């Protein structure tokens, strides 16, 4: 039997420890295509990606299933560079992005890998974005990412507002 496109096996979700899964929902006051494009276009993503204290300074990616992506964040106070990357697994324009995510370790190896799923839905001219990242190796790591992603999504809301 063929799996429904984008469906995640039920057994895989049931095995995830709920305390190491991050889910963030945001209602952006912008059309879905505009919000999706802010994720898909590296030039736009550079304007909002990363927390306020670690904005993105480099973004590249091959936005197709199997395509790699890389982003570098730079600390405002210390200039520290933090690289991350992964591979796109599913790309449905204006609807869904699924990709792996791992931070580079100091020795150049990839850190623990998580899976990011972002969906975009119309809500009366606005866009409901649902962001899900799992499974983190620790609750503290999940909580750290919650702060970082929320800061980035605040910046995204500001960028989208500037387009009005």
Foldseek 3Di string as FASTA:
>chain_A
DDDDVPDDDPVVVVPADVLQKDKDKDKAQAALLVLLVCVVPQVNVQQQAWAPQWGWPDWDWDPDAFIKIKIWTAGPVPRDIKIKIWGWHDDDRSFKTKIKIFTQDPVRHTHDIKIWMWGWDDDPRIIIIMIMIDGDPDSVVSVVVVNTVVNSVVSVSVVRVVVD
